[in-house]
Amino acid sequence: MNWDVIEGRWDQVKGHAKMKWGELTDDDLDVAAGKKDKLAGRIQERYGKSREEAEREVEEWSRSVND
């Protein structure tokens, strides 16, 4: 799913993000609001990952989200 679609359907797909990254809070997901860079930043903070690793995970996740 491309990021325009993810951003537009964020309320529907953020549950998938919560399942993937269980340490993210609802507030984290609300702040991300479907923005790829903000989501990666929150993952980086919560999991102590590098920026590149967080961005890679987000990209892989976006490909697995079903319409």
PDB file of N, CA and C in Angstrom:
ATOM      1  N   MET A   1       0.864  -1.168   0.000  1.00  0.00           N
ATOM      2  CA  MET A   1       0.000   0.000   0.000  1.00  0.00           C
ATOM      3  C   MET A   1       0.908   1.228   0.000  1.00  0.00           C
ATOM      4  N   ASN A   2       0.611   2.195  -0.850  1.00  0.00           N
ATOM      5  CA  ASN A   2       1.473   3.367  -0.873  1.00  0.00           C
ATOM      6  C   ASN A   2       1.137   4.316   0.279  1.00  0.00           C
ATOM      7  N   TRP A   3       2.035   5.230   0.528  1.00  0.00           N
ATOM      8  CA  TRP A   3       1.884   6.078   1.717  1.00  0.00           C
ATOM      9  C   TRP A   3       0.740   7.062   1.635  1.00  0.00           C
ATOM     10  N   ASP A   4       0.332   7.470   0.449  1.00  0.00           N
ATOM     11  CA  ASP A   4      -0.838   8.339   0.347  1.00  0.00           C
ATOM     12  C   ASP A   4      -2.076   7.618   0.850  1.00  0.00           C
ATOM     13  N   VAL A   5      -2.180   6.347   0.505  1.00  0.00           N
ATOM     14  CA  VAL A   5      -3.323   5.544   0.943  1.00  0.00           C
ATOM     15  C   VAL A   5      -3.236   5.284   2.443  1.00  0.00           C
ATOM     16  N   ILE A   6      -2.051   4.942   2.927  1.00  0.00           N
ATOM     17  CA  ILE A   6      -1.874   4.698   4.364  1.00  0.00           C
ATOM     18  C   ILE A   6      -2.239   5.945   5.159  1.00  0.00           C
ATOM     19  N   GLU A   7      -1.746   7.082   4.718  1.00  0.00           N
ATOM     20  CA  GLU A   7      -2.045   8.323   5.430  1.00  0.00           C
ATOM     21  C   GLU A   7      -3.543   8.614   5.412  1.00  0.00           C
ATOM     22  N   GLY A   8      -4.182   8.403   4.276  1.00  0.00           N
ATOM     23  CA  GLY A   8      -5.614   8.658   4.170  1.00  0.00           C
ATOM     24  C   GLY A   8      -6.470   7.704   4.975  1.00  0.00           C
ATOM     25  N   ARG A   9      -5.968   6.499   5.169  1.00  0.00           N
ATOM     26  CA  ARG A   9      -6.726   5.477   5.917  1.00  0.00           C
ATOM     27  C   ARG A   9      -6.077   5.175   7.267  1.00  0.00           C
ATOM     28  N   TRP A  10      -5.381   6.137   7.825  1.00  0.00           N
ATOM     29  CA  TRP A  10      -4.596   5.904   9.038  1.00  0.00           C
ATOM     30  C   TRP A  10      -5.431   5.320  10.164  1.00  0.00           C
ATOM     31  N   ASP A  11      -6.642   5.809  10.356  1.00  0.00           N
ATOM     32  CA  ASP A  11      -7.467   5.277  11.444  1.00  0.00           C
ATOM     33  C   ASP A  11      -7.720   3.784  11.274  1.00  0.00           C
ATOM     34  N   GLN A  12      -7.820   3.317  10.034  1.00  0.00           N
ATOM     35  CA  GLN A  12      -8.042   1.899   9.784  1.00  0.00           C
ATOM     36  C   GLN A  12      -6.762   1.082   9.890  1.00  0.00           C
ATOM     37  N   VAL A  13      -5.627   1.633   9.485  1.00  0.00           N
ATOM     38  CA  VAL A  13      -4.401   0.831   9.449  1.00  0.00           C
ATOM     39  C   VAL A  13      -3.528   0.966  10.697  1.00  0.00           C
ATOM     40  N   LYS A  14      -3.821   1.926  11.556  1.00  0.00           N
ATOM     41  CA  LYS A  14      -2.955   2.072  12.727  1.00  0.00           C
ATOM     42  C   LYS A  14      -3.045   0.874  13.668  1.00  0.00           C
ATOM     43  N   GLY A  15      -4.137   0.128  13.610  1.00  0.00           N
ATOM     44  CA  GLY A  15      -4.227  -1.117  14.377  1.00  0.00           C
ATOM     45  C   GLY A  15      -3.195  -2.134  13.919  1.00  0.00           C
ATOM     46  N   HIS A  16      -2.936  -2.167  12.616  1.00  0.00           N
ATOM     47  CA  HIS A  16      -1.897  -3.045  12.079  1.00  0.00           C
ATOM     48  C   HIS A  16      -0.520  -2.612  12.587  1.00  0.00           C
ATOM     49  N   ALA A  17      -0.317  -1.304  12.679  1.00  0.00           N
ATOM     50  CA  ALA A  17       0.958  -0.794  13.200  1.00  0.00           C
ATOM     51  C   ALA A  17       1.099  -1.160  14.676  1.00  0.00           C
ATOM     52  N   LYS A  18       0.011  -1.087  15.415  1.00  0.00           N
ATOM     53  CA  LYS A  18       0.035  -1.432  16.844  1.00  0.00           C
ATOM     54  C   LYS A  18       0.371  -2.910  17.030  1.00  0.00           C
ATOM     55  N   MET A  19      -0.128  -3.756  16.137  1.00  0.00           N
ATOM     56  CA  MET A  19       0.189  -5.191  16.226  1.00  0.00           C
ATOM     57  C   MET A  19       1.663  -5.431  15.925  1.00  0.00           C
ATOM     58  N   LYS A  20       2.214  -4.705  14.965  1.00  0.00           N
ATOM     59  CA  LYS A  20       3.618  -4.871  14.581  1.00  0.00           C
ATOM     60  C   LYS A  20       4.556  -4.322  15.643  1.00  0.00           C
ATOM     61  N   TRP A  21       4.244  -3.137  16.150  1.00  0.00           N
ATOM     62  CA  TRP A  21       5.088  -2.460  17.135  1.00  0.00           C
ATOM     63  C   TRP A  21       4.272  -2.227  18.403  1.00  0.00           C
ATOM     64  N   GLY A  22       4.145  -3.252  19.206  1.00  0.00           N
ATOM     65  CA  GLY A  22       3.296  -3.218  20.399  1.00  0.00           C
ATOM     66  C   GLY A  22       3.711  -2.214  21.457  1.00  0.00           C
ATOM     67  N   GLU A  23       4.964  -1.775  21.411  1.00  0.00           N
ATOM     68  CA  GLU A  23       5.406  -0.796  22.403  1.00  0.00           C
ATOM     69  C   GLU A  23       4.979   0.633  22.063  1.00  0.00           C
ATOM     70  N   LEU A  24       4.479   0.839  20.858  1.00  0.00           N
ATOM     71  CA  LEU A  24       3.983   2.164  20.499  1.00  0.00           C
ATOM     72  C   LEU A  24       2.656   2.400  21.211  1.00  0.00           C
ATOM     73  N   THR A  25       2.504   3.568  21.771  1.00  0.00           N
ATOM     74  CA  THR A  25       1.262   3.916  22.450  1.00  0.00           C
ATOM     75  C   THR A  25       0.266   4.478  21.444  1.00  0.00           C
ATOM     76  N   ASP A  26      -0.974   4.590  21.869  1.00  0.00           N
ATOM     77  CA  ASP A  26      -1.977   5.223  21.017  1.00  0.00           C
ATOM     78  C   ASP A  26      -1.575   6.659  20.713  1.00  0.00           C
ATOM     79  N   ASP A  27      -0.981   7.327  21.696  1.00  0.00           N
ATOM     80  CA  ASP A  27      -0.502   8.695  21.466  1.00  0.00           C
ATOM     81  C   ASP A  27       0.593   8.725  20.396  1.00  0.00           C
ATOM     82  N   ASP A  28       1.516   7.760  20.442  1.00  0.00           N
ATOM     83  CA  ASP A  28       2.552   7.674  19.411  1.00  0.00           C
ATOM     84  C   ASP A  28       1.927   7.569  18.024  1.00  0.00           C
ATOM     85  N   LEU A  29       0.932   6.710  17.918  1.00  0.00           N
ATOM     86  CA  LEU A  29       0.286   6.499  16.625  1.00  0.00           C
ATOM     87  C   LEU A  29      -0.523   7.718  16.200  1.00  0.00           C
ATOM     88  N   ASP A  30      -1.139   8.408  17.159  1.00  0.00           N
ATOM     89  CA  ASP A  30      -1.872   9.630  16.827  1.00  0.00           C
ATOM     90  C   ASP A  30      -0.921  10.722  16.353  1.00  0.00           C
ATOM     91  N   VAL A  31       0.229  10.829  16.992  1.00  0.00           N
ATOM     92  CA  VAL A  31       1.220  11.834  16.581  1.00  0.00           C
ATOM     93  C   VAL A  31       1.756  11.503  15.189  1.00  0.00           C
ATOM     94  N   ALA A  32       1.983  10.222  14.923  1.00  0.00           N
ATOM     95  CA  ALA A  32       2.490   9.824  13.610  1.00  0.00           C
ATOM     96  C   ALA A  32       1.490  10.184  12.510  1.00  0.00           C
ATOM     97  N   ALA A  33       0.220  10.003  12.783  1.00  0.00           N
ATOM     98  CA  ALA A  33      -0.865  10.403  11.876  1.00  0.00           C
ATOM     99  C   ALA A  33      -0.629   9.960  10.431  1.00  0.00           C
ATOM    100  N   GLY A  34      -0.039   8.798  10.260  1.00  0.00           N
ATOM    101  CA  GLY A  34       0.176   8.272   8.926  1.00  0.00           C
ATOM    102  C   GLY A  34       1.406   8.810   8.224  1.00  0.00           C
ATOM    103  N   LYS A  35       2.165   9.652   8.880  1.00  0.00           N
ATOM    104  CA  LYS A  35       3.376  10.207   8.282  1.00  0.00           C
ATOM    105  C   LYS A  35       4.510   9.207   8.477  1.00  0.00           C
ATOM    106  N   LYS A  36       5.102   8.789   7.378  1.00  0.00           N
ATOM    107  CA  LYS A  36       6.143   7.765   7.393  1.00  0.00           C
ATOM    108  C   LYS A  36       7.322   8.151   8.281  1.00  0.00           C
ATOM    109  N   ASP A  37       7.791   9.383   8.158  1.00  0.00           N
ATOM    110  CA  ASP A  37       8.956   9.810   8.935  1.00  0.00           C
ATOM    111  C   ASP A  37       8.644   9.903  10.422  1.00  0.00           C
ATOM    112  N   LYS A  38       7.447  10.338  10.761  1.00  0.00           N
ATOM    113  CA  LYS A  38       7.077  10.418  12.179  1.00  0.00           C
ATOM    114  C   LYS A  38       6.926   9.029  12.791  1.00  0.00           C
ATOM    115  N   LEU A  39       6.352   8.109  12.038  1.00  0.00           N
ATOM    116  CA  LEU A  39       6.220   6.733  12.521  1.00  0.00           C
ATOM    117  C   LEU A  39       7.590   6.120  12.752  1.00  0.00           C
ATOM    118  N   ALA A  40       8.490   6.291  11.803  1.00  0.00           N
ATOM    119  CA  ALA A  40       9.849   5.764  11.953  1.00  0.00           C
ATOM    120  C   ALA A  40      10.537   6.391  13.160  1.00  0.00           C
ATOM    121  N   GLY A  41      10.318   7.676  13.399  1.00  0.00           N
ATOM    122  CA  GLY A  41      10.910   8.341  14.556  1.00  0.00           C
ATOM    123  C   GLY A  41      10.406   7.773  15.863  1.00  0.00           C
ATOM    124  N   ARG A  42       9.121   7.506  15.929  1.00  0.00           N
ATOM    125  CA  ARG A  42       8.549   6.922  17.154  1.00  0.00           C
ATOM    126  C   ARG A  42       9.086   5.513  17.389  1.00  0.00           C
ATOM    127  N   ILE A  43       9.223   4.741  16.330  1.00  0.00           N
ATOM    128  CA  ILE A  43       9.779   3.386  16.439  1.00  0.00           C
ATOM    129  C   ILE A  43      11.224   3.469  16.907  1.00  0.00           C
ATOM    130  N   GLN A  44      11.960   4.384  16.349  1.00  0.00           N
ATOM    131  CA  GLN A  44      13.357   4.587  16.738  1.00  0.00           C
ATOM    132  C   GLN A  44      13.454   4.901  18.229  1.00  0.00           C
ATOM    133  N   GLU A  45      12.605   5.788  18.717  1.00  0.00           N
ATOM    134  CA  GLU A  45      12.629   6.168  20.136  1.00  0.00           C
ATOM    135  C   GLU A  45      12.233   5.009  21.044  1.00  0.00           C
ATOM    136  N   ARG A  46      11.140   4.340  20.743  1.00  0.00           N
ATOM    137  CA  ARG A  46      10.616   3.286  21.622  1.00  0.00           C
ATOM    138  C   ARG A  46      11.487   2.036  21.646  1.00  0.00           C
ATOM    139  N   TYR A  47      12.083   1.711  20.500  1.00  0.00           N
ATOM    140  CA  TYR A  47      12.823   0.457  20.392  1.00  0.00           C
ATOM    141  C   TYR A  47      14.334   0.633  20.388  1.00  0.00           C
ATOM    142  N   GLY A  48      14.807   1.868  20.405  1.00  0.00           N
ATOM    143  CA  GLY A  48      16.241   2.110  20.415  1.00  0.00           C
ATOM    144  C   GLY A  48      16.935   1.653  19.147  1.00  0.00           C
ATOM    145  N   LYS A  49      16.248   1.757  18.037  1.00  0.00           N
ATOM    146  CA  LYS A  49      16.801   1.332  16.750  1.00  0.00           C
ATOM    147  C   LYS A  49      17.451   2.516  16.054  1.00  0.00           C
ATOM    148  N   SER A  50      18.276   2.211  15.075  1.00  0.00           N
ATOM    149  CA  SER A  50      18.829   3.274  14.253  1.00  0.00           C
ATOM    150  C   SER A  50      17.722   3.816  13.352  1.00  0.00           C
ATOM    151  N   ARG A  51      17.922   5.025  12.867  1.00  0.00           N
ATOM    152  CA  ARG A  51      16.934   5.632  11.972  1.00  0.00           C
ATOM    153  C   ARG A  51      16.748   4.775  10.722  1.00  0.00           C
ATOM    154  N   GLU A  52      17.841   4.291  10.179  1.00  0.00           N
ATOM    155  CA  GLU A  52      17.774   3.475   8.973  1.00  0.00           C
ATOM    156  C   GLU A  52      16.990   2.183   9.203  1.00  0.00           C
ATOM    157  N   GLU A  53      17.225   1.553  10.351  1.00  0.00           N
ATOM    158  CA  GLU A  53      16.525   0.314  10.669  1.00  0.00           C
ATOM    159  C   GLU A  53      15.030   0.565  10.840  1.00  0.00           C
ATOM    160  N   ALA A  54      14.676   1.638  11.534  1.00  0.00           N
ATOM    161  CA  ALA A  54      13.269   1.979  11.731  1.00  0.00           C
ATOM    162  C   ALA A  54      12.598   2.282  10.394  1.00  0.00           C
ATOM    163  N   GLU A  55      13.271   3.023   9.534  1.00  0.00           N
ATOM    164  CA  GLU A  55      12.707   3.339   8.220  1.00  0.00           C
ATOM    165  C   GLU A  55      12.528   2.087   7.379  1.00  0.00           C
ATOM    166  N   ARG A  56      13.482   1.177   7.452  1.00  0.00           N
ATOM    167  CA  ARG A  56      13.385  -0.083   6.714  1.00  0.00           C
ATOM    168  C   ARG A  56      12.184  -0.903   7.210  1.00  0.00           C
ATOM    169  N   GLU A  57      11.997  -0.969   8.526  1.00  0.00           N
ATOM    170  CA  GLU A  57      10.860  -1.703   9.077  1.00  0.00           C
ATOM    171  C   GLU A  57       9.538  -1.096   8.624  1.00  0.00           C
ATOM    172  N   VAL A  58       9.464   0.224   8.632  1.00  0.00           N
ATOM    173  CA  VAL A  58       8.243   0.898   8.207  1.00  0.00           C
ATOM    174  C   VAL A  58       7.957   0.599   6.740  1.00  0.00           C
ATOM    175  N   GLU A  59       8.988   0.627   5.916  1.00  0.00           N
ATOM    176  CA  GLU A  59       8.815   0.342   4.487  1.00  0.00           C
ATOM    177  C   GLU A  59       8.337  -1.095   4.282  1.00  0.00           C
ATOM    178  N   GLU A  60       8.934  -2.049   4.979  1.00  0.00           N
ATOM    179  CA  GLU A  60       8.523  -3.445   4.868  1.00  0.00           C
ATOM    180  C   GLU A  60       7.095  -3.619   5.353  1.00  0.00           C
ATOM    181  N   TRP A  61       6.759  -2.968   6.456  1.00  0.00           N
ATOM    182  CA  TRP A  61       5.410  -3.045   7.008  1.00  0.00           C
ATOM    183  C   TRP A  61       4.386  -2.499   6.013  1.00  0.00           C
ATOM    184  N   SER A  62       4.712  -1.393   5.377  1.00  0.00           N
ATOM    185  CA  SER A  62       3.766  -0.763   4.450  1.00  0.00           C
ATOM    186  C   SER A  62       3.412  -1.708   3.288  1.00  0.00           C
ATOM    187  N   ARG A  63       4.357  -2.525   2.890  1.00  0.00           N
ATOM    188  CA  ARG A  63       4.098  -3.481   1.815  1.00  0.00           C
ATOM    189  C   ARG A  63       3.210  -4.642   2.282  1.00  0.00           C
ATOM    190  N   SER A  64       3.178  -4.883   3.567  1.00  0.00           N
ATOM    191  CA  SER A  64       2.400  -6.015   4.084  1.00  0.00           C
ATOM    192  C   SER A  64       0.985  -5.635   4.509  1.00  0.00           C
ATOM    193  N   VAL A  65       0.707  -4.341   4.584  1.00  0.00           N
ATOM    194  CA  VAL A  65      -0.631  -3.902   5.010  1.00  0.00           C
ATOM    195  C   VAL A  65      -1.624  -4.201   3.892  1.00  0.00           C
ATOM    196  N   ASN A  66      -2.676  -4.903   4.257  1.00  0.00           N
ATOM    197  CA  ASN A  66      -3.708  -5.243   3.264  1.00  0.00           C
ATOM    198  C   ASN A  66      -4.687  -4.093   3.114  1.00  0.00           C
ATOM    199  N   ASP A  67      -5.209  -3.960   1.904  1.00  0.00           N
ATOM    200  CA  ASP A  67      -6.217  -2.907   1.647  1.00  0.00           C
ATOM    201  C   ASP A  67      -7.449  -3.153   2.469  1.00  0.00           C
TER     202      ASP A  67
END
